[in-house]
C-alpha atoms as a PDB file:
ATOM      1  CA  MET A   1    -106.296 133.737-146.693  1.00  0.00           C
ATOM      2  CA  ALA A   2    -108.272 136.393-148.942  1.00  0.00           C
ATOM      3  CA  LEU A   3    -106.433 138.273-150.611  1.00  0.00           C
ATOM      4  CA  PHE A   4    -108.576 140.958-149.935  1.00  0.00           C
ATOM      5  CA  ARG A   5    -111.957 141.931-148.123  1.00  0.00           C
ATOM      6  CA  THR A   6    -115.415 140.989-150.206  1.00  0.00           C
ATOM      7  CA  VAL A   7    -119.008 141.471-148.871  1.00  0.00           C
ATOM      8  CA  SER A   8    -120.772 138.049-148.069  1.00  0.00           C
ATOM      9  CA  GLU A   9    -124.276 136.936-148.330  1.00  0.00           C
ATOM     10  CA  ALA A  10    -125.423 137.699-144.839  1.00  0.00           C
ATOM     11  CA  GLU A  11    -124.283 141.013-144.405  1.00  0.00           C
ATOM     12  CA  ALA A  12    -125.459 142.426-147.877  1.00  0.00           C
ATOM     13  CA  THR A  13    -127.036 145.699-147.452  1.00  0.00           C
ATOM     14  CA  GLY A  14    -128.662 147.907-150.019  1.00  0.00           C
ATOM     15  CA  LYS A  15    -127.278 148.254-153.313  1.00  0.00           C
ATOM     16  CA  VAL A  16    -124.966 144.857-153.186  1.00  0.00           C
ATOM     17  CA  LYS A  17    -128.163 142.938-151.820  1.00  0.00           C
ATOM     18  CA  ALA A  18    -130.395 144.196-154.539  1.00  0.00           C
ATOM     19  CA  VAL A  19    -127.680 143.015-157.255  1.00  0.00           C
ATOM     20  CA  TYR A  20    -127.041 139.689-155.455  1.00  0.00           C
ATOM     21  CA  ASP A  21    -130.696 139.240-155.184  1.00  0.00           C
ATOM     22  CA  ASP A  22    -130.873 140.058-158.567  1.00  0.00           C
ATOM     23  CA  ILE A  23    -128.244 137.458-159.802  1.00  0.00           C
ATOM     24  CA  LYS A  24    -129.724 134.684-157.933  1.00  0.00           C
ATOM     25  CA  ALA A  25    -132.942 135.303-159.454  1.00  0.00           C
ATOM     26  CA  THR A  26    -131.629 135.121-162.673  1.00  0.00           C
ATOM     27  CA  LYS A  27    -129.057 132.996-163.227  1.00  0.00           C
ATOM     28  CA  LYS A  28    -131.567 130.657-160.991  1.00  0.00           C
ATOM     29  CA  ILE A  29    -128.891 129.499-158.218  1.00  0.00           C
ATOM     30  CA  ASP A  30    -129.035 129.846-154.979  1.00  0.00           C
ATOM     31  CA  VAL A  31    -125.660 131.207-153.844  1.00  0.00           C
ATOM     32  CA  VAL A  32    -123.865 133.983-155.353  1.00  0.00           C
ATOM     33  CA  PRO A  33    -120.468 133.112-157.010  1.00  0.00           C
ATOM     34  CA  ASN A  34    -117.190 134.235-155.777  1.00  0.00           C
ATOM     35  CA  PHE A  35    -116.538 136.379-158.994  1.00  0.00           C
ATOM     36  CA  TRP A  36    -119.298 138.549-158.181  1.00  0.00           C
ATOM     37  CA  LYS A  37    -118.526 138.754-154.325  1.00  0.00           C
ATOM     38  CA  ALA A  38    -114.876 139.675-155.935  1.00  0.00           C
ATOM     39  CA  LEU A  39    -116.750 143.443-157.149  1.00  0.00           C
ATOM     40  CA  SER A  40    -118.930 143.557-154.360  1.00  0.00           C
ATOM     41  CA  VAL A  41    -116.193 146.240-152.717  1.00  0.00           C
ATOM     42  CA  ASN A  42    -117.192 149.044-155.370  1.00  0.00           C
ATOM     43  CA  PRO A  43    -120.984 148.624-155.154  1.00  0.00           C
ATOM     44  CA  GLU A  44    -121.640 151.063-158.242  1.00  0.00           C
ATOM     45  CA  HIS A  45    -118.612 148.721-160.129  1.00  0.00           C
ATOM     46  CA  LEU A  46    -120.579 145.181-159.322  1.00  0.00           C
ATOM     47  CA  GLU A  47    -123.954 146.889-160.323  1.00  0.00           C
ATOM     48  CA  ALA A  48    -122.382 148.311-163.532  1.00  0.00           C
ATOM     49  CA  VAL A  49    -120.747 145.166-165.217  1.00  0.00           C
ATOM     50  CA  TRP A  50    -124.322 142.717-163.691  1.00  0.00           C
ATOM     51  CA  GLN A  51    -125.524 144.642-165.996  1.00  0.00           C
ATOM     52  CA  LYS A  52    -123.723 144.899-168.489  1.00  0.00           C
ATOM     53  CA  LEU A  53    -123.746 141.642-168.470  1.00  0.00           C
ATOM     54  CA  LYS A  54    -127.032 141.324-168.533  1.00  0.00           C
ATOM     55  CA  VAL A  55    -127.687 142.526-172.215  1.00  0.00           C
ATOM     56  CA  VAL A  56    -124.400 141.328-173.375  1.00  0.00           C
ATOM     57  CA  MET A  57    -126.411 137.696-172.575  1.00  0.00           C
ATOM     58  CA  LYS A  58    -129.478 138.974-173.449  1.00  0.00           C
ATOM     59  CA  PRO A  59    -131.239 136.270-176.588  1.00  0.00           C
ATOM     60  CA  GLY A  60    -129.780 137.401-179.319  1.00  0.00           C
ATOM     61  CA  LYS A  61    -128.630 135.916-182.504  1.00  0.00           C
ATOM     62  CA  LEU A  62    -127.660 134.130-180.077  1.00  0.00           C
ATOM     63  CA  ASP A  63    -129.619 132.332-177.482  1.00  0.00           C
ATOM     64  CA  PRO A  64    -128.086 132.770-173.539  1.00  0.00           C
ATOM     65  CA  LEU A  65    -127.149 129.282-173.231  1.00  0.00           C
ATOM     66  CA  THR A  66    -125.113 129.199-176.508  1.00  0.00           C
ATOM     67  CA  LYS A  67    -123.127 132.879-174.957  1.00  0.00           C
ATOM     68  CA  GLU A  68    -122.673 130.878-171.179  1.00  0.00           C
ATOM     69  CA  ILE A  69    -121.235 127.877-173.573  1.00  0.00           C
ATOM     70  CA  ILE A  70    -118.350 130.113-175.185  1.00  0.00           C
ATOM     71  CA  ALA A  71    -117.648 131.378-172.556  1.00  0.00           C
ATOM     72  CA  LEU A  72    -116.763 129.011-170.823  1.00  0.00           C
ATOM     73  CA  ALA A  73    -115.106 127.392-173.499  1.00  0.00           C
ATOM     74  CA  VAL A  74    -113.109 130.815-173.502  1.00  0.00           C
ATOM     75  CA  SER A  75    -112.237 130.413-169.896  1.00  0.00           C
ATOM     76  CA  ILE A  76    -110.902 126.826-170.431  1.00  0.00           C
ATOM     77  CA  THR A  77    -108.627 128.032-173.174  1.00  0.00           C
ATOM     78  CA  ASN A  78    -107.467 130.143-171.719  1.00  0.00           C
ATOM     79  CA  ASN A  79    -105.929 128.049-168.177  1.00  0.00           C
ATOM     80  CA  CYS A  80    -108.787 130.441-166.373  1.00  0.00           C
ATOM     81  CA  GLU A  81    -109.499 129.223-162.881  1.00  0.00           C
ATOM     82  CA  TYR A  82    -112.825 130.243-162.286  1.00  0.00           C
END
């Protein structure tokens, strides 16, 4: 049983749908990860977090793949279950 309600992809409208669509297009995936669905109850926060992540993950001194690998390594080191 979930601790709080999220917005599924099927019921997403407006800002949530737009962010979900952008996440799938940007990451080239077919399903929105649960992390983003957990933020969906507050569409403004969902959009802000997604926009910030897109800026952070842009190519720079490190390419996006290297940044993803670092994020994964940090998550593993911190024993994240997600």
